Full PDB file with SEQRES, HELIX, SHEET, SSBOND, CRYST1, ORIGX, SCALE, CONECT and MASTER records, all heavy atoms in Angstrom:
SEQRES   1 A   30  HIS ARG PRO LEU THR GLU GLN PHE ALA ASP GLN ARG ILE          
SEQRES   2 A   30  ARG GLN ILE GLU LEU ASP VAL PHE ALA ASP SER LYS GLY          
SEQRES   3 A   30  GLY LEU TYR ALA                                              
HELIX    1 AA1 LEU A    4  ALA A    9  1                                   6    
CRYST1    1.000    1.000    1.000  90.00  90.00  90.00 P 1           1          
ORIGX1      1.000000  0.000000  0.000000        0.00000                         
ORIGX2      0.000000  1.000000  0.000000        0.00000                         
ORIGX3      0.000000  0.000000  1.000000        0.00000                         
SCALE1      1.000000  0.000000  0.000000        0.00000                         
SCALE2      0.000000  1.000000  0.000000        0.00000                         
SCALE3      0.000000  0.000000  1.000000        0.00000                         
ATOM      1  N   HIS A   1      22.831  10.740  -7.515  1.00  0.00           N  
ATOM      2  CA  HIS A   1      21.606  10.469  -8.477  1.00  0.00           C  
ATOM      3  C   HIS A   1      20.340  10.596  -7.685  1.00  0.00           C  
ATOM      4  O   HIS A   1      20.321  10.332  -6.440  1.00  0.00           O  
ATOM      5  CB  HIS A   1      21.813   9.095  -9.087  1.00  0.00           C  
ATOM      6  CG  HIS A   1      22.851   8.995 -10.111  1.00  0.00           C  
ATOM      7  ND1 HIS A   1      22.803   9.753 -11.268  1.00  0.00           N  
ATOM      8  CD2 HIS A   1      23.925   8.224 -10.183  1.00  0.00           C  
ATOM      9  CE1 HIS A   1      23.796   9.491 -11.947  1.00  0.00           C  
ATOM     10  NE2 HIS A   1      24.579   8.557 -11.365  1.00  0.00           N  
ATOM     11  N   ARG A   2      19.405  10.839  -8.396  1.00  0.00           N  
ATOM     12  CA  ARG A   2      18.043  10.962  -7.939  1.00  0.00           C  
ATOM     13  C   ARG A   2      17.530   9.523  -7.552  1.00  0.00           C  
ATOM     14  O   ARG A   2      18.051   8.534  -8.053  1.00  0.00           O  
ATOM     15  CB  ARG A   2      17.046  11.578  -8.872  1.00  0.00           C  
ATOM     16  CG  ARG A   2      17.352  13.027  -9.209  1.00  0.00           C  
ATOM     17  CD  ARG A   2      16.234  13.621 -10.075  1.00  0.00           C  
ATOM     18  NE  ARG A   2      16.453  14.855 -10.682  1.00  0.00           N  
ATOM     19  CZ  ARG A   2      15.627  15.473 -11.460  1.00  0.00           C  
ATOM     20  NH1 ARG A   2      14.362  15.083 -11.683  1.00  0.00           N  
ATOM     21  NH2 ARG A   2      15.983  16.759 -11.993  1.00  0.00           N  
ATOM     22  N   PRO A   3      16.384   9.423  -6.780  1.00  0.00           N  
ATOM     23  CA  PRO A   3      15.813   8.163  -6.554  1.00  0.00           C  
ATOM     24  C   PRO A   3      15.463   7.511  -7.952  1.00  0.00           C  
ATOM     25  O   PRO A   3      15.157   8.167  -8.994  1.00  0.00           O  
ATOM     26  CB  PRO A   3      14.518   8.519  -5.803  1.00  0.00           C  
ATOM     27  CG  PRO A   3      14.831   9.701  -5.054  1.00  0.00           C  
ATOM     28  CD  PRO A   3      15.758  10.495  -6.007  1.00  0.00           C  
ATOM     29  N   LEU A   4      15.469   6.168  -8.077  1.00  0.00           N  
ATOM     30  CA  LEU A   4      15.183   5.455  -9.295  1.00  0.00           C  
ATOM     31  C   LEU A   4      14.007   5.870 -10.053  1.00  0.00           C  
ATOM     32  O   LEU A   4      13.967   6.006 -11.254  1.00  0.00           O  
ATOM     33  CB  LEU A   4      15.355   4.039  -9.056  1.00  0.00           C  
ATOM     34  CG  LEU A   4      16.686   3.429  -8.638  1.00  0.00           C  
ATOM     35  CD1 LEU A   4      16.551   1.876  -8.523  1.00  0.00           C  
ATOM     36  CD2 LEU A   4      17.743   3.774  -9.605  1.00  0.00           C  
ATOM     37  N   THR A   5      12.892   6.023  -9.301  1.00  0.00           N  
ATOM     38  CA  THR A   5      11.605   6.445  -9.945  1.00  0.00           C  
ATOM     39  C   THR A   5      11.771   7.693 -10.624  1.00  0.00           C  
ATOM     40  O   THR A   5      11.274   7.889 -11.782  1.00  0.00           O  
ATOM     41  CB  THR A   5      10.506   6.493  -8.895  1.00  0.00           C  
ATOM     42  OG1 THR A   5      10.396   5.218  -8.213  1.00  0.00           O  
ATOM     43  CG2 THR A   5       9.216   6.882  -9.522  1.00  0.00           C  
ATOM     44  N   GLU A   6      12.506   8.698 -10.052  1.00  0.00           N  
ATOM     45  CA  GLU A   6      12.716   9.904 -10.804  1.00  0.00           C  
ATOM     46  C   GLU A   6      13.558   9.848 -11.975  1.00  0.00           C  
ATOM     47  O   GLU A   6      13.392  10.499 -12.933  1.00  0.00           O  
ATOM     48  CB  GLU A   6      13.236  10.996  -9.714  1.00  0.00           C  
ATOM     49  CG  GLU A   6      12.238  11.316  -8.615  1.00  0.00           C  
ATOM     50  CD  GLU A   6      12.867  12.435  -7.767  1.00  0.00           C  
ATOM     51  OE1 GLU A   6      13.807  13.154  -8.072  1.00  0.00           O  
ATOM     52  OE2 GLU A   6      12.355  12.502  -6.497  1.00  0.00           O  
ATOM     53  N   GLN A   7      14.619   8.932 -11.896  1.00  0.00           N  
ATOM     54  CA  GLN A   7      15.439   8.706 -13.041  1.00  0.00           C  
ATOM     55  C   GLN A   7      14.658   8.184 -14.214  1.00  0.00           C  
ATOM     56  O   GLN A   7      14.924   8.646 -15.304  1.00  0.00           O  
ATOM     57  CB  GLN A   7      16.565   7.759 -12.616  1.00  0.00           C  
ATOM     58  CG  GLN A   7      17.524   8.259 -11.588  1.00  0.00           C  
ATOM     59  CD  GLN A   7      18.760   7.324 -11.401  1.00  0.00           C  
ATOM     60  OE1 GLN A   7      19.381   6.731 -12.318  1.00  0.00           O  
ATOM     61  NE2 GLN A   7      19.198   7.074 -10.165  1.00  0.00           N  
ATOM     62  N   PHE A   8      13.716   7.257 -13.890  1.00  0.00           N  
ATOM     63  CA  PHE A   8      12.932   6.694 -14.998  1.00  0.00           C  
ATOM     64  C   PHE A   8      11.958   7.700 -15.538  1.00  0.00           C  
ATOM     65  O   PHE A   8      11.816   7.846 -16.749  1.00  0.00           O  
ATOM     66  CB  PHE A   8      12.207   5.396 -14.586  1.00  0.00           C  
ATOM     67  CG  PHE A   8      13.104   4.364 -14.048  1.00  0.00           C  
ATOM     68  CD1 PHE A   8      12.856   3.724 -12.855  1.00  0.00           C  
ATOM     69  CD2 PHE A   8      14.182   3.969 -14.788  1.00  0.00           C  
ATOM     70  CE1 PHE A   8      13.624   2.692 -12.294  1.00  0.00           C  
ATOM     71  CE2 PHE A   8      15.030   2.967 -14.278  1.00  0.00           C  
ATOM     72  CZ  PHE A   8      14.717   2.258 -13.072  1.00  0.00           C  
ATOM     73  N   ALA A   9      11.248   8.375 -14.627  1.00  0.00           N  
ATOM     74  CA  ALA A   9      10.134   9.188 -15.021  1.00  0.00           C  
ATOM     75  C   ALA A   9      10.563  10.638 -15.478  1.00  0.00           C  
ATOM     76  O   ALA A   9      10.091  11.055 -16.571  1.00  0.00           O  
ATOM     77  CB  ALA A   9       9.102   9.334 -13.817  1.00  0.00           C  
ATOM     78  N   ASP A  10      11.496  11.135 -14.796  1.00  0.00           N  
ATOM     79  CA  ASP A  10      11.836  12.639 -15.073  1.00  0.00           C  
ATOM     80  C   ASP A  10      13.116  12.767 -15.821  1.00  0.00           C  
ATOM     81  O   ASP A  10      13.275  13.825 -16.582  1.00  0.00           O  
ATOM     82  CB  ASP A  10      11.995  13.392 -13.730  1.00  0.00           C  
ATOM     83  CG  ASP A  10      10.739  13.387 -12.957  1.00  0.00           C  
ATOM     84  OD1 ASP A  10       9.663  13.276 -13.448  1.00  0.00           O  
ATOM     85  OD2 ASP A  10      10.833  13.460 -11.666  1.00  0.00           O  
ATOM     86  N   GLN A  11      13.963  11.772 -15.677  1.00  0.00           N  
ATOM     87  CA  GLN A  11      15.289  11.894 -16.490  1.00  0.00           C  
ATOM     88  C   GLN A  11      15.353  10.988 -17.718  1.00  0.00           C  
ATOM     89  O   GLN A  11      16.408  11.001 -18.387  1.00  0.00           O  
ATOM     90  CB  GLN A  11      16.491  11.577 -15.559  1.00  0.00           C  
ATOM     91  CG  GLN A  11      16.563  12.661 -14.358  1.00  0.00           C  
ATOM     92  CD  GLN A  11      17.725  12.349 -13.451  1.00  0.00           C  
ATOM     93  OE1 GLN A  11      17.849  11.301 -12.900  1.00  0.00           O  
ATOM     94  NE2 GLN A  11      18.470  13.383 -13.227  1.00  0.00           N  
ATOM     95  N   ARG A  12      14.247  10.198 -17.990  1.00  0.00           N  
ATOM     96  CA  ARG A  12      14.182   9.442 -19.192  1.00  0.00           C  
ATOM     97  C   ARG A  12      15.170   8.311 -19.225  1.00  0.00           C  
ATOM     98  O   ARG A  12      15.742   8.002 -20.334  1.00  0.00           O  
ATOM     99  CB  ARG A  12      14.247  10.263 -20.368  1.00  0.00           C  
ATOM    100  CG  ARG A  12      13.277  11.526 -20.432  1.00  0.00           C  
ATOM    101  CD  ARG A  12      11.821  11.163 -20.344  1.00  0.00           C  
ATOM    102  NE  ARG A  12      11.335  10.951 -21.665  1.00  0.00           N  
ATOM    103  CZ  ARG A  12      10.206  10.283 -21.894  1.00  0.00           C  
ATOM    104  NH1 ARG A  12       9.503   9.727 -20.860  1.00  0.00           N  
ATOM    105  NH2 ARG A  12       9.792  10.061 -23.138  1.00  0.00           N  
ATOM    106  N   ILE A  13      15.685   7.808 -18.139  1.00  0.00           N  
ATOM    107  CA  ILE A  13      16.657   6.779 -18.019  1.00  0.00           C  
ATOM    108  C   ILE A  13      16.064   5.435 -18.299  1.00  0.00           C  
ATOM    109  O   ILE A  13      14.966   5.038 -17.729  1.00  0.00           O  
ATOM    110  CB  ILE A  13      17.347   6.872 -16.617  1.00  0.00           C  
ATOM    111  CG1 ILE A  13      18.137   8.154 -16.519  1.00  0.00           C  
ATOM    112  CG2 ILE A  13      18.153   5.635 -16.458  1.00  0.00           C  
ATOM    113  CD1 ILE A  13      19.163   8.300 -17.539  1.00  0.00           C  
ATOM    114  N   ARG A  14      16.681   4.639 -19.065  1.00  0.00           N  
ATOM    115  CA  ARG A  14      16.222   3.208 -19.425  1.00  0.00           C  
ATOM    116  C   ARG A  14      17.339   2.268 -19.185  1.00  0.00           C  
ATOM    117  O   ARG A  14      17.220   1.120 -19.695  1.00  0.00           O  
ATOM    118  CB  ARG A  14      15.628   3.178 -20.839  1.00  0.00           C  
ATOM    119  CG  ARG A  14      14.449   4.097 -21.050  1.00  0.00           C  
ATOM    120  CD  ARG A  14      13.287   3.658 -20.241  1.00  0.00           C  
ATOM    121  NE  ARG A  14      12.056   4.477 -20.432  1.00  0.00           N  
ATOM    122  CZ  ARG A  14      11.824   5.531 -19.689  1.00  0.00           C  
ATOM    123  NH1 ARG A  14      12.577   5.896 -18.639  1.00  0.00           N  
ATOM    124  NH2 ARG A  14      10.673   6.269 -19.942  1.00  0.00           N  
ATOM    125  N   GLN A  15      18.309   2.558 -18.508  1.00  0.00           N  
ATOM    126  CA  GLN A  15      19.432   1.591 -18.089  1.00  0.00           C  
ATOM    127  C   GLN A  15      19.974   2.095 -16.700  1.00  0.00           C  
ATOM    128  O   GLN A  15      20.305   3.292 -16.617  1.00  0.00           O  
ATOM    129  CB  GLN A  15      20.535   1.521 -19.167  1.00  0.00           C  
ATOM    130  CG  GLN A  15      21.727   0.712 -18.675  1.00  0.00           C  
ATOM    131  CD  GLN A  15      22.875   1.657 -18.449  1.00  0.00           C  
ATOM    132  OE1 GLN A  15      23.404   2.402 -19.259  1.00  0.00           O  
ATOM    133  NE2 GLN A  15      23.469   1.608 -17.172  1.00  0.00           N  
ATOM    134  N   ILE A  16      20.121   1.214 -15.890  1.00  0.00           N  
ATOM    135  CA  ILE A  16      20.779   1.608 -14.536  1.00  0.00           C  
ATOM    136  C   ILE A  16      21.889   0.584 -14.224  1.00  0.00           C  
ATOM    137  O   ILE A  16      21.981  -0.461 -14.862  1.00  0.00           O  
ATOM    138  CB  ILE A  16      19.673   1.582 -13.363  1.00  0.00           C  
ATOM    139  CG1 ILE A  16      19.026   0.117 -13.180  1.00  0.00           C  
ATOM    140  CG2 ILE A  16      18.591   2.583 -13.572  1.00  0.00           C  
ATOM    141  CD1 ILE A  16      18.166   0.009 -12.023  1.00  0.00           C  
ATOM    142  N   GLU A  17      22.635   0.956 -13.298  1.00  0.00           N  
ATOM    143  CA  GLU A  17      23.818   0.153 -12.825  1.00  0.00           C  
ATOM    144  C   GLU A  17      23.852   0.042 -11.349  1.00  0.00           C  
ATOM    145  O   GLU A  17      23.672   1.030 -10.655  1.00  0.00           O  
ATOM    146  CB  GLU A  17      25.104   0.877 -13.279  1.00  0.00           C  
ATOM    147  CG  GLU A  17      26.408   0.113 -12.850  1.00  0.00           C  
ATOM    148  CD  GLU A  17      27.667   0.942 -13.238  1.00  0.00           C  
ATOM    149  OE1 GLU A  17      27.644   1.519 -14.339  1.00  0.00           O  
ATOM    150  OE2 GLU A  17      28.554   0.878 -12.432  1.00  0.00           O  
ATOM    151  N   LEU A  18      23.961  -1.148 -10.829  1.00  0.00           N  
ATOM    152  CA  LEU A  18      24.082  -1.437  -9.477  1.00  0.00           C  
ATOM    153  C   LEU A  18      25.359  -2.187  -9.120  1.00  0.00           C  
ATOM    154  O   LEU A  18      25.646  -3.219  -9.725  1.00  0.00           O  
ATOM    155  CB  LEU A  18      22.819  -2.329  -9.094  1.00  0.00           C  
ATOM    156  CG  LEU A  18      21.401  -1.793  -9.394  1.00  0.00           C  
ATOM    157  CD1 LEU A  18      20.390  -2.868  -8.966  1.00  0.00           C  
ATOM    158  CD2 LEU A  18      21.076  -0.486  -8.794  1.00  0.00           C  
ATOM    159  N   ASP A  19      26.063  -1.596  -8.218  1.00  0.00           N  
ATOM    160  CA  ASP A  19      27.264  -2.368  -7.624  1.00  0.00           C  
ATOM    161  C   ASP A  19      26.798  -3.157  -6.438  1.00  0.00           C  
ATOM    162  O   ASP A  19      26.093  -2.702  -5.443  1.00  0.00           O  
ATOM    163  CB  ASP A  19      28.284  -1.347  -7.050  1.00  0.00           C  
ATOM    164  CG  ASP A  19      29.004  -0.566  -8.188  1.00  0.00           C  
ATOM    165  OD1 ASP A  19      28.666  -0.856  -9.345  1.00  0.00           O  
ATOM    166  OD2 ASP A  19      29.823   0.284  -7.912  1.00  0.00           O  
ATOM    167  N   VAL A  20      27.136  -4.514  -6.478  1.00  0.00           N  
ATOM    168  CA  VAL A  20      26.473  -5.426  -5.507  1.00  0.00           C  
ATOM    169  C   VAL A  20      27.508  -6.082  -4.657  1.00  0.00           C  
ATOM    170  O   VAL A  20      28.538  -6.540  -5.156  1.00  0.00           O  
ATOM    171  CB  VAL A  20      25.575  -6.424  -6.249  1.00  0.00           C  
ATOM    172  CG1 VAL A  20      24.443  -5.738  -7.031  1.00  0.00           C  
ATOM    173  CG2 VAL A  20      26.424  -7.285  -7.254  1.00  0.00           C  
ATOM    174  N   PHE A  21      27.237  -6.217  -3.369  1.00  0.00           N  
ATOM    175  CA  PHE A  21      28.084  -6.912  -2.414  1.00  0.00           C  
ATOM    176  C   PHE A  21      27.278  -7.978  -1.756  1.00  0.00           C  
ATOM    177  O   PHE A  21      26.148  -7.794  -1.285  1.00  0.00           O  
ATOM    178  CB  PHE A  21      28.489  -5.893  -1.283  1.00  0.00           C  
ATOM    179  CG  PHE A  21      29.458  -4.893  -1.687  1.00  0.00           C  
ATOM    180  CD1 PHE A  21      29.045  -3.807  -2.582  1.00  0.00           C  
ATOM    181  CD2 PHE A  21      30.795  -4.941  -1.313  1.00  0.00           C  
ATOM    182  CE1 PHE A  21      29.990  -2.860  -2.852  1.00  0.00           C  
ATOM    183  CE2 PHE A  21      31.774  -4.006  -1.699  1.00  0.00           C  
ATOM    184  CZ  PHE A  21      31.352  -2.946  -2.537  1.00  0.00           C  
ATOM    185  N   ALA A  22      27.831  -9.148  -1.668  1.00  0.00           N  
ATOM    186  CA  ALA A  22      27.205 -10.279  -1.042  1.00  0.00           C  
ATOM    187  C   ALA A  22      27.196 -10.121   0.490  1.00  0.00           C  
ATOM    188  O   ALA A  22      28.200  -9.645   1.063  1.00  0.00           O  
ATOM    189  CB  ALA A  22      28.033 -11.639  -1.333  1.00  0.00           C  
ATOM    190  N   ASP A  23      26.150 -10.459   1.115  1.00  0.00           N  
ATOM    191  CA  ASP A  23      25.933 -10.272   2.560  1.00  0.00           C  
ATOM    192  C   ASP A  23      25.044 -11.362   3.079  1.00  0.00           C  
ATOM    193  O   ASP A  23      23.906 -11.083   3.391  1.00  0.00           O  
ATOM    194  CB  ASP A  23      25.408  -8.888   2.858  1.00  0.00           C  
ATOM    195  CG  ASP A  23      25.494  -8.517   4.345  1.00  0.00           C  
ATOM    196  OD1 ASP A  23      26.102  -9.299   5.148  1.00  0.00           O  
ATOM    197  OD2 ASP A  23      24.890  -7.566   4.811  1.00  0.00           O  
ATOM    198  N   SER A  24      25.476 -12.602   3.009  1.00  0.00           N  
ATOM    199  CA  SER A  24      24.702 -13.774   3.310  1.00  0.00           C  
ATOM    200  C   SER A  24      24.130 -13.835   4.759  1.00  0.00           C  
ATOM    201  O   SER A  24      23.088 -14.364   4.940  1.00  0.00           O  
ATOM    202  CB  SER A  24      25.354 -15.055   2.916  1.00  0.00           C  
ATOM    203  OG  SER A  24      26.535 -15.176   3.759  1.00  0.00           O  
ATOM    204  N   LYS A  25      24.900 -13.215   5.624  1.00  0.00           N  
ATOM    205  CA  LYS A  25      24.423 -13.319   7.063  1.00  0.00           C  
ATOM    206  C   LYS A  25      23.808 -11.948   7.580  1.00  0.00           C  
ATOM    207  O   LYS A  25      23.141 -12.057   8.613  1.00  0.00           O  
ATOM    208  CB  LYS A  25      25.654 -13.654   7.929  1.00  0.00           C  
ATOM    209  CG  LYS A  25      26.244 -15.089   7.678  1.00  0.00           C  
ATOM    210  CD  LYS A  25      27.378 -15.400   8.619  1.00  0.00           C  
ATOM    211  CE  LYS A  25      27.853 -16.765   8.246  1.00  0.00           C  
ATOM    212  NZ  LYS A  25      29.074 -17.115   9.168  1.00  0.00           N  
ATOM    213  N   GLY A  26      24.063 -10.939   6.888  1.00  0.00           N  
ATOM    214  CA  GLY A  26      23.515  -9.697   7.209  1.00  0.00           C  
ATOM    215  C   GLY A  26      24.488  -8.875   8.209  1.00  0.00           C  
ATOM    216  O   GLY A  26      25.270  -9.425   8.844  1.00  0.00           O  
ATOM    217  N   GLY A  27      24.484  -7.550   8.084  1.00  0.00           N  
ATOM    218  CA  GLY A  27      25.219  -6.767   9.002  1.00  0.00           C  
ATOM    219  C   GLY A  27      26.658  -6.508   8.582  1.00  0.00           C  
ATOM    220  O   GLY A  27      27.371  -5.766   9.277  1.00  0.00           O  
ATOM    221  N   LEU A  28      27.164  -7.151   7.478  1.00  0.00           N  
ATOM    222  CA  LEU A  28      28.619  -6.900   7.085  1.00  0.00           C  
ATOM    223  C   LEU A  28      28.941  -5.447   6.802  1.00  0.00           C  
ATOM    224  O   LEU A  28      30.059  -5.010   7.163  1.00  0.00           O  
ATOM    225  CB  LEU A  28      28.928  -7.817   5.950  1.00  0.00           C  
ATOM    226  CG  LEU A  28      30.353  -7.897   5.497  1.00  0.00           C  
ATOM    227  CD1 LEU A  28      31.291  -8.315   6.668  1.00  0.00           C  
ATOM    228  CD2 LEU A  28      30.514  -8.885   4.310  1.00  0.00           C  
ATOM    229  N   TYR A  29      27.976  -4.790   6.276  1.00  0.00           N  
ATOM    230  CA  TYR A  29      28.251  -3.359   5.830  1.00  0.00           C  
ATOM    231  C   TYR A  29      27.378  -2.369   6.665  1.00  0.00           C  
ATOM    232  O   TYR A  29      27.202  -1.217   6.217  1.00  0.00           O  
ATOM    233  CB  TYR A  29      27.993  -3.239   4.370  1.00  0.00           C  
ATOM    234  CG  TYR A  29      28.771  -4.196   3.554  1.00  0.00           C  
ATOM    235  CD1 TYR A  29      27.976  -5.333   3.033  1.00  0.00           C  
ATOM    236  CD2 TYR A  29      30.135  -4.284   3.387  1.00  0.00           C  
ATOM    237  CE1 TYR A  29      28.657  -6.316   2.346  1.00  0.00           C  
ATOM    238  CE2 TYR A  29      30.828  -5.232   2.672  1.00  0.00           C  
ATOM    239  CZ  TYR A  29      30.037  -6.272   2.122  1.00  0.00           C  
ATOM    240  OH  TYR A  29      30.711  -7.230   1.430  1.00  0.00           O  
ATOM    241  N   ALA A  30      26.970  -2.807   7.893  1.00  0.00           N  
ATOM    242  CA  ALA A  30      26.056  -1.970   8.654  1.00  0.00           C  
ATOM    243  C   ALA A  30      26.653  -0.966   9.564  1.00  0.00           C  
ATOM    244  O   ALA A  30      25.988  -0.074  10.122  1.00  0.00           O  
ATOM    245  CB  ALA A  30      25.212  -2.985   9.522  1.00  0.00           C  
TER     246      ALA A  30                                                      
MASTER        0    0    0    1    0    0    0    6  245    1    0    3          
END                                                                             
């Protein structure tokens, strides 16, 4: 996918989806 700004501005997108992972200490997925 394009950067979010381009999705909103150029692709006329008005709904996005984010998959989220908790990382309370940092570095878990680094």
